[in-house]
Amino acid sequence: MNPLDIASHGPVIPVIVIERVQDALPLAEALLAGGVKVLEVTLRTAAGLPAIEAIARHLPEAVVGVGTVLNAHDARRASEAGARFAVSPGYTLEVGNTCKALRLPLLPGVATASEVMAALADGFSFLKLFPAEAVGGIPLLKAWASPFGPVGFCPTGGITSITAPHYLALPNVRCVGGSWLTPLDAVRAGDWARITQLARSAQGLRAAS
């Protein structure tokens, strides 16, 4: 899978924090029912890795990936669990080379022009701007459009359903990442209908931009 294939499935990639493994399948099913196929399950909790494994095994129609990849070990474990892509909050050569060796598409995080240049030099041209709002957001992406013309971005961090269309209107933004599709209170309550509705609404954000 080419990393840009991740963006071809819809305008929003949900950034998912799973506290209980038993929530993984109903949560993924709720997102799929709302038209969201690409799922980034983070390694921020102990449930993250087994959740990826469960989704990969039981819901092959989902494109499940791993987020919060900090090192080569994270990438290897996630690949073994069935992750189909990886997302990192920053970029290191170690993570980049490991993902290449695993044939695991990587969406590396960047926050500065130097990091963009380093990722580009290593062959990555679809990048995650993180934390988007904190490091400059839309004005920064507009400023980068000229010097980094070939680069596509997936801004993540602080983006909401209100601000997402403004990001998606930028020519160098391919998609956005957001946690608002899977609010923790809804997951804890098992309110899967709410998550399906949020996913369905997210599918129309590019048209609104």
C-alpha atoms as a PDB file:
ATOM      1  CA  MET A   1       0.000   0.000   0.000  1.00  0.00           C
ATOM      2  CA  ASN A   2       1.290   3.416  -0.970  1.00  0.00           C
ATOM      3  CA  PRO A   3       1.014   5.787   2.021  1.00  0.00           C
ATOM      4  CA  LEU A   4      -1.191   8.084  -0.053  1.00  0.00           C
ATOM      5  CA  ASP A   5      -3.700   5.241  -0.324  1.00  0.00           C
ATOM      6  CA  ILE A   6      -4.494   5.982   3.312  1.00  0.00           C
ATOM      7  CA  ALA A   7      -5.891   9.356   2.296  1.00  0.00           C
ATOM      8  CA  SER A   8      -7.897   7.975  -0.609  1.00  0.00           C
ATOM      9  CA  HIS A   9     -10.534   6.389   1.632  1.00  0.00           C
ATOM     10  CA  GLY A  10     -11.894   9.577   3.180  1.00  0.00           C
ATOM     11  CA  PRO A  11     -11.080  13.017   4.561  1.00  0.00           C
ATOM     12  CA  VAL A  12     -10.614  12.019   8.212  1.00  0.00           C
ATOM     13  CA  ILE A  13      -8.465   9.362   9.867  1.00  0.00           C
ATOM     14  CA  PRO A  14      -9.763   8.703  13.383  1.00  0.00           C
ATOM     15  CA  VAL A  15      -7.031   8.748  16.030  1.00  0.00           C
ATOM     16  CA  ILE A  16      -8.264   6.038  18.368  1.00  0.00           C
ATOM     17  CA  VAL A  17      -7.341   5.443  22.013  1.00  0.00           C
ATOM     18  CA  ILE A  18      -8.669   2.094  23.229  1.00  0.00           C
ATOM     19  CA  GLU A  19      -8.771   1.435  26.958  1.00  0.00           C
ATOM     20  CA  ARG A  20     -10.453  -1.994  26.831  1.00  0.00           C
ATOM     21  CA  VAL A  21      -9.712  -4.618  24.203  1.00  0.00           C
ATOM     22  CA  GLN A  22     -13.370  -5.682  24.175  1.00  0.00           C
ATOM     23  CA  ASP A  23     -14.280  -2.267  22.760  1.00  0.00           C
ATOM     24  CA  ALA A  24     -12.088  -2.708  19.676  1.00  0.00           C
ATOM     25  CA  LEU A  25     -14.452  -4.636  17.422  1.00  0.00           C
ATOM     26  CA  PRO A  26     -17.709  -2.784  18.155  1.00  0.00           C
ATOM     27  CA  LEU A  27     -15.862   0.522  17.825  1.00  0.00           C
ATOM     28  CA  ALA A  28     -14.345  -0.477  14.480  1.00  0.00           C
ATOM     29  CA  GLU A  29     -17.723  -1.776  13.284  1.00  0.00           C
ATOM     30  CA  ALA A  30     -19.366   1.528  14.254  1.00  0.00           C
ATOM     31  CA  LEU A  31     -16.798   3.498  12.257  1.00  0.00           C
ATOM     32  CA  LEU A  32     -17.155   1.199   9.251  1.00  0.00           C
ATOM     33  CA  ALA A  33     -20.934   1.602   9.402  1.00  0.00           C
ATOM     34  CA  GLY A  34     -20.387   5.357   9.133  1.00  0.00           C
ATOM     35  CA  GLY A  35     -18.166   4.971   6.075  1.00  0.00           C
ATOM     36  CA  VAL A  36     -14.782   5.362   7.809  1.00  0.00           C
ATOM     37  CA  LYS A  37     -12.510   2.557   6.663  1.00  0.00           C
ATOM     38  CA  VAL A  38      -9.033   3.708   7.746  1.00  0.00           C
ATOM     39  CA  LEU A  39      -8.472   3.375  11.497  1.00  0.00           C
ATOM     40  CA  GLU A  40      -5.396   4.549  13.403  1.00  0.00           C
ATOM     41  CA  VAL A  41      -5.226   2.711  16.738  1.00  0.00           C
ATOM     42  CA  THR A  42      -2.630   4.313  18.976  1.00  0.00           C
ATOM     43  CA  LEU A  43      -0.146   2.587  21.256  1.00  0.00           C
ATOM     44  CA  ARG A  44      -0.975   4.987  24.088  1.00  0.00           C
ATOM     45  CA  THR A  45      -2.553   2.204  26.146  1.00  0.00           C
ATOM     46  CA  ALA A  46      -1.789  -1.452  26.817  1.00  0.00           C
ATOM     47  CA  ALA A  47      -4.942  -2.358  24.889  1.00  0.00           C
ATOM     48  CA  GLY A  48      -3.699  -0.771  21.660  1.00  0.00           C
ATOM     49  CA  LEU A  49      -1.719  -3.696  20.258  1.00  0.00           C
ATOM     50  CA  PRO A  50      -4.268  -6.462  21.005  1.00  0.00           C
ATOM     51  CA  ALA A  51      -6.979  -4.163  19.638  1.00  0.00           C
ATOM     52  CA  ILE A  52      -5.086  -3.883  16.339  1.00  0.00           C
ATOM     53  CA  GLU A  53      -4.725  -7.650  16.246  1.00  0.00           C
ATOM     54  CA  ALA A  54      -8.454  -8.184  16.864  1.00  0.00           C
ATOM     55  CA  ILE A  55      -9.523  -5.711  14.181  1.00  0.00           C
ATOM     56  CA  ALA A  56      -7.033  -7.076  11.638  1.00  0.00           C
ATOM     57  CA  ARG A  57      -8.203 -10.639  12.244  1.00  0.00           C
ATOM     58  CA  HIS A  58     -11.961 -10.166  12.396  1.00  0.00           C
ATOM     59  CA  LEU A  59     -12.588  -7.100  10.195  1.00  0.00           C
ATOM     60  CA  PRO A  60     -10.416  -7.443   7.082  1.00  0.00           C
ATOM     61  CA  GLU A  61     -12.473  -4.758   5.343  1.00  0.00           C
ATOM     62  CA  ALA A  62     -10.990  -2.201   7.755  1.00  0.00           C
ATOM     63  CA  VAL A  63      -7.586  -0.680   6.997  1.00  0.00           C
ATOM     64  CA  VAL A  64      -6.215  -0.750  10.520  1.00  0.00           C
ATOM     65  CA  GLY A  65      -2.958   1.001  11.295  1.00  0.00           C
ATOM     66  CA  VAL A  66      -0.865   1.754  14.327  1.00  0.00           C
ATOM     67  CA  GLY A  67      -0.282   5.200  15.805  1.00  0.00           C
ATOM     68  CA  THR A  68       2.240   6.538  18.319  1.00  0.00           C
ATOM     69  CA  VAL A  69       5.086   4.519  16.813  1.00  0.00           C
ATOM     70  CA  LEU A  70       8.172   5.748  18.669  1.00  0.00           C
ATOM     71  CA  ASN A  71      10.819   3.202  17.693  1.00  0.00           C
ATOM     72  CA  ALA A  72      11.620   0.119  15.631  1.00  0.00           C
ATOM     73  CA  HIS A  73      10.231  -2.219  18.293  1.00  0.00           C
ATOM     74  CA  ASP A  74       6.823  -0.542  18.110  1.00  0.00           C
ATOM     75  CA  ALA A  75       6.781  -0.912  14.329  1.00  0.00           C
ATOM     76  CA  ARG A  76       7.742  -4.582  14.427  1.00  0.00           C
ATOM     77  CA  ARG A  77       5.164  -5.483  17.072  1.00  0.00           C
ATOM     78  CA  ALA A  78       2.414  -3.659  15.212  1.00  0.00           C
ATOM     79  CA  SER A  79       3.319  -5.265  11.902  1.00  0.00           C
ATOM     80  CA  GLU A  80       3.188  -8.705  13.527  1.00  0.00           C
ATOM     81  CA  ALA A  81      -0.236  -7.814  14.962  1.00  0.00           C
ATOM     82  CA  GLY A  82      -1.559  -7.052  11.490  1.00  0.00           C
ATOM     83  CA  ALA A  83      -1.221  -3.275  11.185  1.00  0.00           C
ATOM     84  CA  ARG A  84      -1.342  -2.186   7.562  1.00  0.00           C
ATOM     85  CA  PHE A  85       0.283   1.218   8.065  1.00  0.00           C
ATOM     86  CA  ALA A  86       2.136   3.125  10.785  1.00  0.00           C
ATOM     87  CA  VAL A  87       1.958   6.686  12.061  1.00  0.00           C
ATOM     88  CA  SER A  88       4.649   8.313  14.179  1.00  0.00           C
ATOM     89  CA  PRO A  89       4.461  11.593  16.129  1.00  0.00           C
ATOM     90  CA  GLY A  90       7.917  12.543  14.864  1.00  0.00           C
ATOM     91  CA  TYR A  91      10.473  11.144  12.444  1.00  0.00           C
ATOM     92  CA  THR A  92      13.687   9.188  12.968  1.00  0.00           C
ATOM     93  CA  LEU A  93      15.796   7.321  10.459  1.00  0.00           C
ATOM     94  CA  GLU A  94      15.431   4.186  12.607  1.00  0.00           C
ATOM     95  CA  VAL A  95      11.650   4.214  12.347  1.00  0.00           C
ATOM     96  CA  GLY A  96      11.778   5.057   8.646  1.00  0.00           C
ATOM     97  CA  ASN A  97      14.210   2.276   7.779  1.00  0.00           C
ATOM     98  CA  THR A  98      12.386  -0.284   9.914  1.00  0.00           C
ATOM     99  CA  CYS A  99       9.061   0.448   8.246  1.00  0.00           C
ATOM    100  CA  LYS A 100      10.685   0.207   4.825  1.00  0.00           C
ATOM    101  CA  ALA A 101      12.182  -3.179   5.747  1.00  0.00           C
ATOM    102  CA  LEU A 102       8.795  -4.374   7.003  1.00  0.00           C
ATOM    103  CA  ARG A 103       7.052  -2.982   3.906  1.00  0.00           C
ATOM    104  CA  LEU A 104       4.836  -1.098   6.355  1.00  0.00           C
ATOM    105  CA  PRO A 105       3.687   2.252   4.907  1.00  0.00           C
ATOM    106  CA  LEU A 106       4.714   5.057   7.259  1.00  0.00           C
ATOM    107  CA  LEU A 107       3.090   8.434   7.811  1.00  0.00           C
ATOM    108  CA  PRO A 108       5.864  10.217   9.736  1.00  0.00           C
ATOM    109  CA  GLY A 109       5.218  13.197  11.948  1.00  0.00           C
ATOM    110  CA  VAL A 110       6.908  16.563  11.372  1.00  0.00           C
ATOM    111  CA  ALA A 111       6.694  19.931  13.071  1.00  0.00           C
ATOM    112  CA  THR A 112       9.515  21.934  11.451  1.00  0.00           C
ATOM    113  CA  ALA A 113      10.901  22.612   7.983  1.00  0.00           C
ATOM    114  CA  SER A 114      14.083  20.707   8.890  1.00  0.00           C
ATOM    115  CA  GLU A 115      12.038  17.621   9.762  1.00  0.00           C
ATOM    116  CA  VAL A 116      10.164  17.878   6.462  1.00  0.00           C
ATOM    117  CA  MET A 117      13.492  18.004   4.637  1.00  0.00           C
ATOM    118  CA  ALA A 118      14.830  14.999   6.563  1.00  0.00           C
ATOM    119  CA  ALA A 119      11.735  12.929   5.787  1.00  0.00           C
ATOM    120  CA  LEU A 120      11.843  13.971   2.131  1.00  0.00           C
ATOM    121  CA  ALA A 121      15.508  13.001   1.884  1.00  0.00           C
ATOM    122  CA  ASP A 122      14.587   9.523   3.128  1.00  0.00           C
ATOM    123  CA  GLY A 123      11.823   9.097   0.560  1.00  0.00           C
ATOM    124  CA  PHE A 124       8.725  10.180   2.493  1.00  0.00           C
ATOM    125  CA  SER A 125       6.513  12.801   0.848  1.00  0.00           C
ATOM    126  CA  PHE A 126       3.191  12.265   2.656  1.00  0.00           C
ATOM    127  CA  LEU A 127       3.669  13.569   6.180  1.00  0.00           C
ATOM    128  CA  LYS A 128       1.710  14.127   9.371  1.00  0.00           C
ATOM    129  CA  LEU A 129       1.870  17.680  10.732  1.00  0.00           C
ATOM    130  CA  PHE A 130       1.783  17.206  14.504  1.00  0.00           C
ATOM    131  CA  PRO A 131       0.664  18.755  16.770  1.00  0.00           C
ATOM    132  CA  ALA A 132      -0.947  20.799  14.016  1.00  0.00           C
ATOM    133  CA  GLU A 133      -2.711  23.533  15.941  1.00  0.00           C
ATOM    134  CA  ALA A 134       0.155  24.020  18.404  1.00  0.00           C
ATOM    135  CA  VAL A 135       2.887  24.400  15.765  1.00  0.00           C
ATOM    136  CA  GLY A 136       1.136  26.825  13.435  1.00  0.00           C
ATOM    137  CA  GLY A 137      -1.732  24.994  11.770  1.00  0.00           C
ATOM    138  CA  ILE A 138      -3.184  26.526   8.638  1.00  0.00           C
ATOM    139  CA  PRO A 139      -0.774  29.499   8.385  1.00  0.00           C
ATOM    140  CA  LEU A 140       2.190  27.113   8.604  1.00  0.00           C
ATOM    141  CA  LEU A 141       0.789  24.810   5.926  1.00  0.00           C
ATOM    142  CA  LYS A 142       0.168  27.786   3.654  1.00  0.00           C
ATOM    143  CA  ALA A 143       3.756  28.939   4.157  1.00  0.00           C
ATOM    144  CA  TRP A 144       5.089  25.461   3.367  1.00  0.00           C
ATOM    145  CA  ALA A 145       3.050  25.098   0.159  1.00  0.00           C
ATOM    146  CA  SER A 146       5.634  26.878  -1.975  1.00  0.00           C
ATOM    147  CA  PRO A 147       8.978  25.430  -0.750  1.00  0.00           C
ATOM    148  CA  PHE A 148       7.508  21.954  -0.204  1.00  0.00           C
ATOM    149  CA  GLY A 149       5.236  21.762  -3.239  1.00  0.00           C
ATOM    150  CA  PRO A 150       5.343  17.964  -3.742  1.00  0.00           C
ATOM    151  CA  VAL A 151       4.617  17.208  -0.090  1.00  0.00           C
ATOM    152  CA  GLY A 152       1.150  16.192   1.079  1.00  0.00           C
ATOM    153  CA  PHE A 153       0.128  16.558   4.702  1.00  0.00           C
ATOM    154  CA  CYS A 154      -2.228  14.981   7.190  1.00  0.00           C
ATOM    155  CA  PRO A 155      -2.547  17.575   9.959  1.00  0.00           C
ATOM    156  CA  THR A 156      -3.339  16.036  13.345  1.00  0.00           C
ATOM    157  CA  GLY A 157      -3.565  17.472  16.837  1.00  0.00           C
ATOM    158  CA  GLY A 158      -6.198  19.886  18.071  1.00  0.00           C
ATOM    159  CA  ILE A 159      -8.334  19.642  14.925  1.00  0.00           C
ATOM    160  CA  THR A 160     -12.107  19.511  15.339  1.00  0.00           C
ATOM    161  CA  SER A 161     -15.101  18.971  13.096  1.00  0.00           C
ATOM    162  CA  ILE A 162     -15.382  22.777  12.929  1.00  0.00           C
ATOM    163  CA  THR A 163     -11.786  23.472  11.867  1.00  0.00           C
ATOM    164  CA  ALA A 164     -11.274  20.362   9.706  1.00  0.00           C
ATOM    165  CA  PRO A 165     -12.929  21.825   6.566  1.00  0.00           C
ATOM    166  CA  HIS A 166     -10.534  24.796   6.663  1.00  0.00           C
ATOM    167  CA  TYR A 167      -7.568  22.420   6.675  1.00  0.00           C
ATOM    168  CA  LEU A 168      -9.077  20.233   3.971  1.00  0.00           C
ATOM    169  CA  ALA A 169      -9.484  23.277   1.714  1.00  0.00           C
ATOM    170  CA  LEU A 170      -5.681  23.643   1.494  1.00  0.00           C
ATOM    171  CA  PRO A 171      -4.168  22.124  -1.663  1.00  0.00           C
ATOM    172  CA  ASN A 172      -1.341  20.409   0.238  1.00  0.00           C
ATOM    173  CA  VAL A 173      -3.667  18.698   2.743  1.00  0.00           C
ATOM    174  CA  ARG A 174      -4.754  15.203   1.733  1.00  0.00           C
ATOM    175  CA  CYS A 175      -6.710  14.343   4.881  1.00  0.00           C
ATOM    176  CA  VAL A 176      -6.779  15.201   8.579  1.00  0.00           C
ATOM    177  CA  GLY A 177      -6.461  13.135  11.723  1.00  0.00           C
ATOM    178  CA  GLY A 178      -8.822  13.606  14.624  1.00  0.00           C
ATOM    179  CA  SER A 179      -9.945  12.068  17.883  1.00  0.00           C
ATOM    180  CA  TRP A 180     -13.404  13.648  17.801  1.00  0.00           C
ATOM    181  CA  LEU A 181     -14.818  10.659  15.893  1.00  0.00           C
ATOM    182  CA  THR A 182     -14.248   8.379  18.881  1.00  0.00           C
ATOM    183  CA  PRO A 183     -14.872  10.421  22.062  1.00  0.00           C
ATOM    184  CA  LEU A 184     -13.910   8.487  25.170  1.00  0.00           C
ATOM    185  CA  ASP A 185     -17.248   9.062  26.866  1.00  0.00           C
ATOM    186  CA  ALA A 186     -19.058   7.449  23.930  1.00  0.00           C
ATOM    187  CA  VAL A 187     -16.650   4.501  23.843  1.00  0.00           C
ATOM    188  CA  ARG A 188     -16.911   3.960  27.597  1.00  0.00           C
ATOM    189  CA  ALA A 189     -20.710   4.052  27.374  1.00  0.00           C
ATOM    190  CA  GLY A 190     -20.813   1.758  24.344  1.00  0.00           C
ATOM    191  CA  ASP A 191     -22.668   4.435  22.405  1.00  0.00           C
ATOM    192  CA  TRP A 192     -21.763   2.989  19.018  1.00  0.00           C
ATOM    193  CA  ALA A 193     -24.652   4.748  17.255  1.00  0.00           C
ATOM    194  CA  ARG A 194     -23.154   8.107  18.198  1.00  0.00           C
ATOM    195  CA  ILE A 195     -19.778   7.088  16.787  1.00  0.00           C
ATOM    196  CA  THR A 196     -21.394   5.904  13.562  1.00  0.00           C
ATOM    197  CA  GLN A 197     -23.108   9.274  13.218  1.00  0.00           C
ATOM    198  CA  LEU A 198     -19.859  11.155  13.860  1.00  0.00           C
ATOM    199  CA  ALA A 199     -18.139   9.007  11.238  1.00  0.00           C
ATOM    200  CA  ARG A 200     -20.910   9.614   8.731  1.00  0.00           C
ATOM    201  CA  SER A 201     -20.730  13.365   9.308  1.00  0.00           C
ATOM    202  CA  ALA A 202     -16.952  13.333   8.856  1.00  0.00           C
ATOM    203  CA  GLN A 203     -17.300  11.839   5.383  1.00  0.00           C
ATOM    204  CA  GLY A 204     -18.886  15.075   4.147  1.00  0.00           C
ATOM    205  CA  LEU A 205     -16.251  17.443   5.511  1.00  0.00           C
ATOM    206  CA  ARG A 206     -14.227  17.736   2.305  1.00  0.00           C
ATOM    207  CA  ALA A 207     -17.332  18.704   0.367  1.00  0.00           C
ATOM    208  CA  ALA A 208     -17.944  21.411   2.981  1.00  0.00           C
ATOM    209  CA  SER A 209     -14.420  22.810   2.711  1.00  0.00           C
END
